[in-house]
Structures are given as structure tokens and as C-alpha cells.
């Protein structure tokens, strides 16, 4: 592998689950702002694994961050969030 080659995409990395505090650190959003973004439809809601345990798929978090970096507006982000939520149904 040469010095400029990128490593192959790791499927396990795409399926990493993040706690809300980790998402907060990664995005720079406070927890209350993160949940406000979820309420506004501009961030995907967490996945509830139990009554008191929620996580966010890291690939979804990265897609939202990348869309923001690319300059997408809130309407485009809402469309992406809907796409991500719909895609959850086929994840197995």
C-alpha cells in the first residue's frame, strides 16, 4: 500500500453506535441543542436500545456533519434525515 492510499472502508466502523455525549463532542453541539435539532428534524433521532439507553449510528452522524460542511441548508438536512430514518428499516 503506498503512502497516499486510503484504507478500505471498514463495515464495522460504519455500524459504530455512539452515546449522546459522544455525539455532542463530535458535533460541538450541547446536548440540549442536539435534542432541539432532533425536534426540528435537522438531526436523526437516537435509536432506543432499552428504556434508558439510546445511541446514534456513527455513520448517520458523519453524514449530517458532512452535509453541514458542504453547506447544505436546513431543508436539505431535513431531507437527509428522512432518508437516514427510512434507511434504518433495511439495516440488518
PDB file of N, CA and C in Angstrom:
ATOM      1  N   UNK A   1       0.845  -1.168   0.000  1.00  0.00           N
ATOM      2  CA  UNK A   1       0.000   0.000   0.000  1.00  0.00           C
ATOM      3  C   UNK A   1       0.894   1.235   0.000  1.00  0.00           C
ATOM      4  N   UNK A   2       0.677   2.143  -0.950  1.00  0.00           N
ATOM      5  CA  UNK A   2       1.532   3.318  -0.998  1.00  0.00           C
ATOM      6  C   UNK A   2       1.113   4.325   0.068  1.00  0.00           C
ATOM      7  N   UNK A   3       1.927   5.338   0.245  1.00  0.00           N
ATOM      8  CA  UNK A   3       1.700   6.299   1.331  1.00  0.00           C
ATOM      9  C   UNK A   3       0.429   7.124   1.152  1.00  0.00           C
ATOM     10  N   UNK A   4      -0.084   7.230  -0.076  1.00  0.00           N
ATOM     11  CA  UNK A   4      -1.254   8.047  -0.335  1.00  0.00           C
ATOM     12  C   UNK A   4      -2.541   7.248  -0.447  1.00  0.00           C
ATOM     13  N   UNK A   5      -2.443   5.941  -0.364  1.00  0.00           N
ATOM     14  CA  UNK A   5      -3.650   5.105  -0.496  1.00  0.00           C
ATOM     15  C   UNK A   5      -4.506   5.230   0.752  1.00  0.00           C
ATOM     16  N   UNK A   6      -5.803   5.249   0.553  1.00  0.00           N
ATOM     17  CA  UNK A   6      -6.737   5.290   1.665  1.00  0.00           C
ATOM     18  C   UNK A   6      -7.096   3.865   2.065  1.00  0.00           C
ATOM     19  N   UNK A   7      -7.245   3.577   3.352  1.00  0.00           N
ATOM     20  CA  UNK A   7      -7.644   2.237   3.762  1.00  0.00           C
ATOM     21  C   UNK A   7      -9.056   1.944   3.274  1.00  0.00           C
ATOM     22  N   UNK A   8      -9.326   0.676   3.051  1.00  0.00           N
ATOM     23  CA  UNK A   8     -10.661   0.261   2.615  1.00  0.00           C
ATOM     24  C   UNK A   8     -11.683   0.607   3.688  1.00  0.00           C
ATOM     25  N   UNK A   9     -12.914   0.879   3.250  1.00  0.00           N
ATOM     26  CA  UNK A   9     -13.992   1.195   4.196  1.00  0.00           C
ATOM     27  C   UNK A   9     -14.218   0.001   5.107  1.00  0.00           C
ATOM     28  N   UNK A  10     -14.291   0.250   6.378  1.00  0.00           N
ATOM     29  CA  UNK A  10     -14.480  -0.794   7.365  1.00  0.00           C
ATOM     30  C   UNK A  10     -15.957  -0.843   7.743  1.00  0.00           C
ATOM     31  N   UNK A  11     -16.635  -1.946   7.426  1.00  0.00           N
ATOM     32  CA  UNK A  11     -18.072  -2.069   7.707  1.00  0.00           C
ATOM     33  C   UNK A  11     -18.363  -1.933   9.199  1.00  0.00           C
ATOM     34  N   UNK A  12     -17.483  -2.437  10.043  1.00  0.00           N
ATOM     35  CA  UNK A  12     -17.700  -2.332  11.485  1.00  0.00           C
ATOM     36  C   UNK A  12     -17.688  -0.874  11.928  1.00  0.00           C
ATOM     37  N   UNK A  13     -16.829  -0.061  11.313  1.00  0.00           N
ATOM     38  CA  UNK A  13     -16.769   1.348  11.660  1.00  0.00           C
ATOM     39  C   UNK A  13     -18.091   2.028  11.309  1.00  0.00           C
ATOM     40  N   UNK A  14     -18.704   1.649  10.193  1.00  0.00           N
ATOM     41  CA  UNK A  14     -19.958   2.258   9.770  1.00  0.00           C
ATOM     42  C   UNK A  14     -21.082   1.942  10.746  1.00  0.00           C
ATOM     43  N   UNK A  15     -20.945   0.875  11.501  1.00  0.00           N
ATOM     44  CA  UNK A  15     -22.006   0.448  12.395  1.00  0.00           C
ATOM     45  C   UNK A  15     -21.719   0.778  13.861  1.00  0.00           C
ATOM     46  N   UNK A  16     -20.765   1.634  14.115  1.00  0.00           N
ATOM     47  CA  UNK A  16     -20.461   2.040  15.479  1.00  0.00           C
ATOM     48  C   UNK A  16     -21.630   2.809  16.055  1.00  0.00           C
ATOM     49  N   UNK A  17     -21.946   2.532  17.297  1.00  0.00           N
ATOM     50  CA  UNK A  17     -23.035   3.236  17.974  1.00  0.00           C
ATOM     51  C   UNK A  17     -22.429   4.206  18.976  1.00  0.00           C
ATOM     52  N   UNK A  18     -22.954   5.423  18.976  1.00  0.00           N
ATOM     53  CA  UNK A  18     -22.405   6.488  19.813  1.00  0.00           C
ATOM     54  C   UNK A  18     -23.413   6.917  20.864  1.00  0.00           C
ATOM     55  N   UNK A  19     -22.935   7.145  22.065  1.00  0.00           N
ATOM     56  CA  UNK A  19     -23.765   7.703  23.134  1.00  0.00           C
ATOM     57  C   UNK A  19     -23.992   9.190  22.851  1.00  0.00           C
ATOM     58  N   UNK A  20     -25.067   9.768  23.376  1.00  0.00           N
ATOM     59  CA  UNK A  20     -25.340  11.185  23.125  1.00  0.00           C
ATOM     60  C   UNK A  20     -24.168  12.113  23.484  1.00  0.00           C
ATOM     61  N   UNK A  21     -23.479  11.853  24.581  1.00  0.00           N
ATOM     62  CA  UNK A  21     -22.348  12.710  24.962  1.00  0.00           C
ATOM     63  C   UNK A  21     -21.244  12.667  23.909  1.00  0.00           C
ATOM     64  N   UNK A  22     -21.035  11.502  23.292  1.00  0.00           N
ATOM     65  CA  UNK A  22     -20.029  11.381  22.237  1.00  0.00           C
ATOM     66  C   UNK A  22     -20.451  12.162  20.994  1.00  0.00           C
ATOM     67  N   UNK A  23     -21.743  12.105  20.665  1.00  0.00           N
ATOM     68  CA  UNK A  23     -22.266  12.868  19.531  1.00  0.00           C
ATOM     69  C   UNK A  23     -22.110  14.361  19.807  1.00  0.00           C
ATOM     70  N   UNK A  24     -22.378  14.753  21.027  1.00  0.00           N
ATOM     71  CA  UNK A  24     -22.229  16.149  21.422  1.00  0.00           C
ATOM     72  C   UNK A  24     -20.787  16.618  21.211  1.00  0.00           C
ATOM     73  N   UNK A  25     -19.831  15.814  21.655  1.00  0.00           N
ATOM     74  CA  UNK A  25     -18.414  16.167  21.480  1.00  0.00           C
ATOM     75  C   UNK A  25     -18.037  16.197  20.001  1.00  0.00           C
ATOM     76  N   UNK A  26     -18.519  15.221  19.226  1.00  0.00           N
ATOM     77  CA  UNK A  26     -18.150  15.125  17.810  1.00  0.00           C
ATOM     78  C   UNK A  26     -18.715  16.295  17.001  1.00  0.00           C
ATOM     79  N   UNK A  27     -19.926  16.719  17.321  1.00  0.00           N
ATOM     80  CA  UNK A  27     -20.582  17.781  16.560  1.00  0.00           C
ATOM     81  C   UNK A  27     -20.306  19.170  17.114  1.00  0.00           C
ATOM     82  N   UNK A  28     -19.920  19.233  18.385  1.00  0.00           N
ATOM     83  CA  UNK A  28     -19.739  20.521  19.032  1.00  0.00           C
ATOM     84  C   UNK A  28     -21.043  21.106  19.554  1.00  0.00           C
ATOM     85  N   UNK A  29     -22.130  20.357  19.439  1.00  0.00           N
ATOM     86  CA  UNK A  29     -23.434  20.805  19.926  1.00  0.00           C
ATOM     87  C   UNK A  29     -23.610  20.370  21.378  1.00  0.00           C
ATOM     88  N   UNK A  30     -24.162  21.232  22.201  1.00  0.00           N
ATOM     89  CA  UNK A  30     -24.528  20.823  23.551  1.00  0.00           C
ATOM     90  C   UNK A  30     -25.669  19.817  23.470  1.00  0.00           C
ATOM     91  N   UNK A  31     -25.866  19.047  24.516  1.00  0.00           N
ATOM     92  CA  UNK A  31     -26.921  18.031  24.492  1.00  0.00           C
ATOM     93  C   UNK A  31     -28.299  18.648  24.273  1.00  0.00           C
ATOM     94  N   UNK A  32     -28.584  19.768  24.913  1.00  0.00           N
ATOM     95  CA  UNK A  32     -29.902  20.377  24.727  1.00  0.00           C
ATOM     96  C   UNK A  32     -30.065  20.873  23.283  1.00  0.00           C
ATOM     97  N   UNK A  33     -29.001  21.383  22.690  1.00  0.00           N
ATOM     98  CA  UNK A  33     -29.064  21.819  21.290  1.00  0.00           C
ATOM     99  C   UNK A  33     -29.207  20.619  20.369  1.00  0.00           C
ATOM    100  N   UNK A  34     -28.505  19.539  20.668  1.00  0.00           N
ATOM    101  CA  UNK A  34     -28.635  18.319  19.875  1.00  0.00           C
ATOM    102  C   UNK A  34     -30.088  17.853  19.850  1.00  0.00           C
ATOM    103  N   UNK A  35     -30.716  17.798  21.015  1.00  0.00           N
ATOM    104  CA  UNK A  35     -32.116  17.359  21.065  1.00  0.00           C
ATOM    105  C   UNK A  35     -33.058  18.384  20.433  1.00  0.00           C
ATOM    106  N   UNK A  36     -32.711  19.663  20.477  1.00  0.00           N
ATOM    107  CA  UNK A  36     -33.506  20.674  19.773  1.00  0.00           C
ATOM    108  C   UNK A  36     -33.410  20.451  18.261  1.00  0.00           C
ATOM    109  N   UNK A  37     -32.229  20.090  17.774  1.00  0.00           N
ATOM    110  CA  UNK A  37     -32.062  19.784  16.349  1.00  0.00           C
ATOM    111  C   UNK A  37     -32.893  18.565  15.962  1.00  0.00           C
ATOM    112  N   UNK A  38     -32.947  17.583  16.834  1.00  0.00           N
ATOM    113  CA  UNK A  38     -33.780  16.401  16.570  1.00  0.00           C
ATOM    114  C   UNK A  38     -35.242  16.829  16.480  1.00  0.00           C
ATOM    115  N   UNK A  39     -35.689  17.654  17.410  1.00  0.00           N
ATOM    116  CA  UNK A  39     -37.079  18.143  17.405  1.00  0.00           C
ATOM    117  C   UNK A  39     -37.397  18.930  16.142  1.00  0.00           C
ATOM    118  N   UNK A  40     -36.420  19.651  15.605  1.00  0.00           N
ATOM    119  CA  UNK A  40     -36.612  20.452  14.391  1.00  0.00           C
ATOM    120  C   UNK A  40     -36.459  19.622  13.123  1.00  0.00           C
ATOM    121  N   UNK A  41     -36.066  18.346  13.273  1.00  0.00           N
ATOM    122  CA  UNK A  41     -35.922  17.475  12.111  1.00  0.00           C
ATOM    123  C   UNK A  41     -34.619  17.643  11.359  1.00  0.00           C
ATOM    124  N   UNK A  42     -33.627  18.292  11.994  1.00  0.00           N
ATOM    125  CA  UNK A  42     -32.353  18.503  11.314  1.00  0.00           C
ATOM    126  C   UNK A  42     -31.225  17.652  11.910  1.00  0.00           C
ATOM    127  N   UNK A  43     -31.611  16.664  12.689  1.00  0.00           N
ATOM    128  CA  UNK A  43     -30.668  15.650  13.176  1.00  0.00           C
ATOM    129  C   UNK A  43     -31.481  14.392  13.412  1.00  0.00           C
ATOM    130  N   UNK A  44     -30.953  13.231  13.007  1.00  0.00           N
ATOM    131  CA  UNK A  44     -31.731  11.993  13.184  1.00  0.00           C
ATOM    132  C   UNK A  44     -31.898  11.645  14.666  1.00  0.00           C
ATOM    133  N   UNK A  45     -33.058  11.134  15.017  1.00  0.00           N
ATOM    134  CA  UNK A  45     -33.286  10.764  16.417  1.00  0.00           C
ATOM    135  C   UNK A  45     -32.426   9.560  16.799  1.00  0.00           C
ATOM    136  N   UNK A  46     -32.188   9.406  18.090  1.00  0.00           N
ATOM    137  CA  UNK A  46     -31.406   8.251  18.523  1.00  0.00           C
ATOM    138  C   UNK A  46     -32.203   6.958  18.374  1.00  0.00           C
ATOM    139  N   UNK A  47     -31.471   5.874  18.434  1.00  0.00           N
ATOM    140  CA  UNK A  47     -32.063   4.541  18.443  1.00  0.00           C
ATOM    141  C   UNK A  47     -32.168   4.127  19.907  1.00  0.00           C
ATOM    142  N   UNK A  48     -33.340   3.737  20.309  1.00  0.00           N
ATOM    143  CA  UNK A  48     -33.553   3.326  21.700  1.00  0.00           C
ATOM    144  C   UNK A  48     -33.255   1.831  21.812  1.00  0.00           C
ATOM    145  N   UNK A  49     -32.239   1.491  22.606  1.00  0.00           N
ATOM    146  CA  UNK A  49     -31.891   0.082  22.812  1.00  0.00           C
ATOM    147  C   UNK A  49     -32.568  -0.486  24.051  1.00  0.00           C
ATOM    148  N   UNK A  50     -32.925   0.376  24.970  1.00  0.00           N
ATOM    149  CA  UNK A  50     -33.697  -0.027  26.139  1.00  0.00           C
ATOM    150  C   UNK A  50     -34.403   1.225  26.660  1.00  0.00           C
ATOM    151  N   UNK A  51     -35.116   1.080  27.730  1.00  0.00           N
ATOM    152  CA  UNK A  51     -35.887   2.201  28.268  1.00  0.00           C
ATOM    153  C   UNK A  51     -35.016   3.422  28.559  1.00  0.00           C
ATOM    154  N   UNK A  52     -33.788   3.182  29.024  1.00  0.00           N
ATOM    155  CA  UNK A  52     -32.923   4.296  29.431  1.00  0.00           C
ATOM    156  C   UNK A  52     -31.629   4.381  28.635  1.00  0.00           C
ATOM    157  N   UNK A  53     -31.547   3.696  27.511  1.00  0.00           N
ATOM    158  CA  UNK A  53     -30.287   3.633  26.766  1.00  0.00           C
ATOM    159  C   UNK A  53     -30.541   3.947  25.303  1.00  0.00           C
ATOM    160  N   UNK A  54     -30.007   5.089  24.845  1.00  0.00           N
ATOM    161  CA  UNK A  54     -30.139   5.461  23.438  1.00  0.00           C
ATOM    162  C   UNK A  54     -28.754   5.646  22.826  1.00  0.00           C
ATOM    163  N   UNK A  55     -28.678   5.415  21.523  1.00  0.00           N
ATOM    164  CA  UNK A  55     -27.428   5.563  20.784  1.00  0.00           C
ATOM    165  C   UNK A  55     -27.731   6.166  19.410  1.00  0.00           C
ATOM    166  N   UNK A  56     -26.687   6.670  18.791  1.00  0.00           N
ATOM    167  CA  UNK A  56     -26.774   7.202  17.438  1.00  0.00           C
ATOM    168  C   UNK A  56     -25.812   6.405  16.555  1.00  0.00           C
ATOM    169  N   UNK A  57     -26.261   5.920  15.387  1.00  0.00           N
ATOM    170  CA  UNK A  57     -25.323   5.278  14.456  1.00  0.00           C
ATOM    171  C   UNK A  57     -24.299   6.316  13.975  1.00  0.00           C
ATOM    172  N   UNK A  58     -23.029   5.996  14.110  1.00  0.00           N
ATOM    173  CA  UNK A  58     -21.985   6.974  13.792  1.00  0.00           C
ATOM    174  C   UNK A  58     -21.978   7.364  12.319  1.00  0.00           C
ATOM    175  N   UNK A  59     -22.372   6.436  11.432  1.00  0.00           N
ATOM    176  CA  UNK A  59     -22.386   6.795  10.015  1.00  0.00           C
ATOM    177  C   UNK A  59     -23.431   7.878   9.739  1.00  0.00           C
ATOM    178  N   UNK A  60     -24.546   7.859  10.466  1.00  0.00           N
ATOM    179  CA  UNK A  60     -25.555   8.905  10.309  1.00  0.00           C
ATOM    180  C   UNK A  60     -25.030  10.240  10.815  1.00  0.00           C
ATOM    181  N   UNK A  61     -24.343  10.215  11.939  1.00  0.00           N
ATOM    182  CA  UNK A  61     -23.770  11.446  12.494  1.00  0.00           C
ATOM    183  C   UNK A  61     -22.782  12.042  11.497  1.00  0.00           C
ATOM    184  N   UNK A  62     -21.923  11.202  10.921  1.00  0.00           N
ATOM    185  CA  UNK A  62     -20.944  11.677   9.941  1.00  0.00           C
ATOM    186  C   UNK A  62     -21.619  12.257   8.709  1.00  0.00           C
ATOM    187  N   UNK A  63     -22.712  11.636   8.244  1.00  0.00           N
ATOM    188  CA  UNK A  63     -23.419  12.153   7.060  1.00  0.00           C
ATOM    189  C   UNK A  63     -23.989  13.540   7.330  1.00  0.00           C
ATOM    190  N   UNK A  64     -24.536  13.751   8.531  1.00  0.00           N
ATOM    191  CA  UNK A  64     -25.069  15.070   8.871  1.00  0.00           C
ATOM    192  C   UNK A  64     -23.935  16.093   8.938  1.00  0.00           C
ATOM    193  N   UNK A  65     -22.849  15.747   9.582  1.00  0.00           N
ATOM    194  CA  UNK A  65     -21.704  16.659   9.668  1.00  0.00           C
ATOM    195  C   UNK A  65     -21.200  16.997   8.268  1.00  0.00           C
ATOM    196  N   UNK A  66     -21.044  15.985   7.419  1.00  0.00           N
ATOM    197  CA  UNK A  66     -20.551  16.225   6.056  1.00  0.00           C
ATOM    198  C   UNK A  66     -21.494  17.122   5.269  1.00  0.00           C
ATOM    199  N   UNK A  67     -22.794  16.948   5.463  1.00  0.00           N
ATOM    200  CA  UNK A  67     -23.768  17.797   4.768  1.00  0.00           C
ATOM    201  C   UNK A  67     -23.639  19.242   5.236  1.00  0.00           C
ATOM    202  N   UNK A  68     -23.438  19.441   6.530  1.00  0.00           N
ATOM    203  CA  UNK A  68     -23.259  20.797   7.056  1.00  0.00           C
ATOM    204  C   UNK A  68     -21.982  21.427   6.506  1.00  0.00           C
ATOM    205  N   UNK A  69     -20.912  20.643   6.488  1.00  0.00           N
ATOM    206  CA  UNK A  69     -19.642  21.148   5.960  1.00  0.00           C
ATOM    207  C   UNK A  69     -19.798  21.524   4.481  1.00  0.00           C
ATOM    208  N   UNK A  70     -20.596  20.756   3.750  1.00  0.00           N
ATOM    209  CA  UNK A  70     -20.834  21.030   2.333  1.00  0.00           C
ATOM    210  C   UNK A  70     -21.742  22.233   2.113  1.00  0.00           C
ATOM    211  N   UNK A  71     -22.289  22.798   3.199  1.00  0.00           N
ATOM    212  CA  UNK A  71     -23.087  24.000   3.085  1.00  0.00           C
ATOM    213  C   UNK A  71     -24.570  23.772   2.849  1.00  0.00           C
ATOM    214  N   UNK A  72     -25.054  22.558   3.092  1.00  0.00           N
ATOM    215  CA  UNK A  72     -26.476  22.290   2.893  1.00  0.00           C
ATOM    216  C   UNK A  72     -27.315  23.068   3.903  1.00  0.00           C
ATOM    217  N   UNK A  73     -28.459  23.567   3.441  1.00  0.00           N
ATOM    218  CA  UNK A  73     -29.346  24.315   4.336  1.00  0.00           C
ATOM    219  C   UNK A  73     -30.234  23.349   5.123  1.00  0.00           C
ATOM    220  N   UNK A  74     -31.036  23.905   6.044  1.00  0.00           N
ATOM    221  CA  UNK A  74     -31.872  23.075   6.906  1.00  0.00           C
ATOM    222  C   UNK A  74     -32.852  22.211   6.120  1.00  0.00           C
ATOM    223  N   UNK A  75     -33.395  22.727   5.009  1.00  0.00           N
ATOM    224  CA  UNK A  75     -34.333  21.920   4.217  1.00  0.00           C
ATOM    225  C   UNK A  75     -33.643  20.697   3.626  1.00  0.00           C
ATOM    226  N   UNK A  76     -32.415  20.870   3.136  1.00  0.00           N
ATOM    227  CA  UNK A  76     -31.656  19.741   2.591  1.00  0.00           C
ATOM    228  C   UNK A  76     -31.303  18.755   3.702  1.00  0.00           C
ATOM    229  N   UNK A  77     -30.975  19.280   4.878  1.00  0.00           N
ATOM    230  CA  UNK A  77     -30.647  18.413   6.012  1.00  0.00           C
ATOM    231  C   UNK A  77     -31.883  17.621   6.438  1.00  0.00           C
ATOM    232  N   UNK A  78     -33.056  18.264   6.464  1.00  0.00           N
ATOM    233  CA  UNK A  78     -34.297  17.550   6.806  1.00  0.00           C
ATOM    234  C   UNK A  78     -34.546  16.393   5.839  1.00  0.00           C
ATOM    235  N   UNK A  79     -34.309  16.630   4.557  1.00  0.00           N
ATOM    236  CA  UNK A  79     -34.477  15.572   3.561  1.00  0.00           C
ATOM    237  C   UNK A  79     -33.491  14.436   3.829  1.00  0.00           C
ATOM    238  N   UNK A  80     -32.263  14.776   4.180  1.00  0.00           N
ATOM    239  CA  UNK A  80     -31.263  13.760   4.510  1.00  0.00           C
ATOM    240  C   UNK A  80     -31.680  12.974   5.744  1.00  0.00           C
ATOM    241  N   UNK A  81     -32.177  13.667   6.764  1.00  0.00           N
ATOM    242  CA  UNK A  81     -32.625  12.992   7.988  1.00  0.00           C
ATOM    243  C   UNK A  81     -33.735  11.995   7.658  1.00  0.00           C
ATOM    244  N   UNK A  82     -34.692  12.393   6.841  1.00  0.00           N
ATOM    245  CA  UNK A  82     -35.770  11.470   6.449  1.00  0.00           C
ATOM    246  C   UNK A  82     -35.211  10.258   5.706  1.00  0.00           C
ATOM    247  N   UNK A  83     -34.229  10.500   4.849  1.00  0.00           N
ATOM    248  CA  UNK A  83     -33.578   9.403   4.120  1.00  0.00           C
ATOM    249  C   UNK A  83     -32.874   8.444   5.089  1.00  0.00           C
ATOM    250  N   UNK A  84     -32.179   9.000   6.063  1.00  0.00           N
ATOM    251  CA  UNK A  84     -31.459   8.172   7.045  1.00  0.00           C
ATOM    252  C   UNK A  84     -32.425   7.345   7.890  1.00  0.00           C
ATOM    253  N   UNK A  85     -33.529   7.967   8.293  1.00  0.00           N
ATOM    254  CA  UNK A  85     -34.530   7.246   9.099  1.00  0.00           C
ATOM    255  C   UNK A  85     -35.151   6.124   8.279  1.00  0.00           C
ATOM    256  N   UNK A  86     -35.457   6.397   7.029  1.00  0.00           N
ATOM    257  CA  UNK A  86     -36.039   5.368   6.160  1.00  0.00           C
ATOM    258  C   UNK A  86     -35.050   4.217   5.947  1.00  0.00           C
ATOM    259  N   UNK A  87     -33.779   4.544   5.791  1.00  0.00           N
ATOM    260  CA  UNK A  87     -32.749   3.529   5.557  1.00  0.00           C
ATOM    261  C   UNK A  87     -32.571   2.614   6.762  1.00  0.00           C
ATOM    262  N   UNK A  88     -32.913   3.089   7.949  1.00  0.00           N
ATOM    263  CA  UNK A  88     -32.807   2.241   9.148  1.00  0.00           C
ATOM    264  C   UNK A  88     -33.660   1.000   9.024  1.00  0.00           C
ATOM    265  N   UNK A  89     -34.763   1.100   8.321  1.00  0.00           N
ATOM    266  CA  UNK A  89     -35.692  -0.025   8.198  1.00  0.00           C
ATOM    267  C   UNK A  89     -35.071  -1.207   7.472  1.00  0.00           C
ATOM    268  N   UNK A  90     -34.101  -0.948   6.630  1.00  0.00           N
ATOM    269  CA  UNK A  90     -33.489  -2.039   5.863  1.00  0.00           C
ATOM    270  C   UNK A  90     -32.126  -2.461   6.410  1.00  0.00           C
ATOM    271  N   UNK A  91     -31.711  -1.875   7.526  1.00  0.00           N
ATOM    272  CA  UNK A  91     -30.434  -2.271   8.147  1.00  0.00           C
ATOM    273  C   UNK A  91     -30.627  -3.562   8.912  1.00  0.00           C
ATOM    274  N   UNK A  92     -29.786  -4.496   8.614  1.00  0.00           N
ATOM    275  CA  UNK A  92     -29.844  -5.764   9.350  1.00  0.00           C
ATOM    276  C   UNK A  92     -28.450  -6.269   9.583  1.00  0.00           C
TER     277      UNK A  92
END
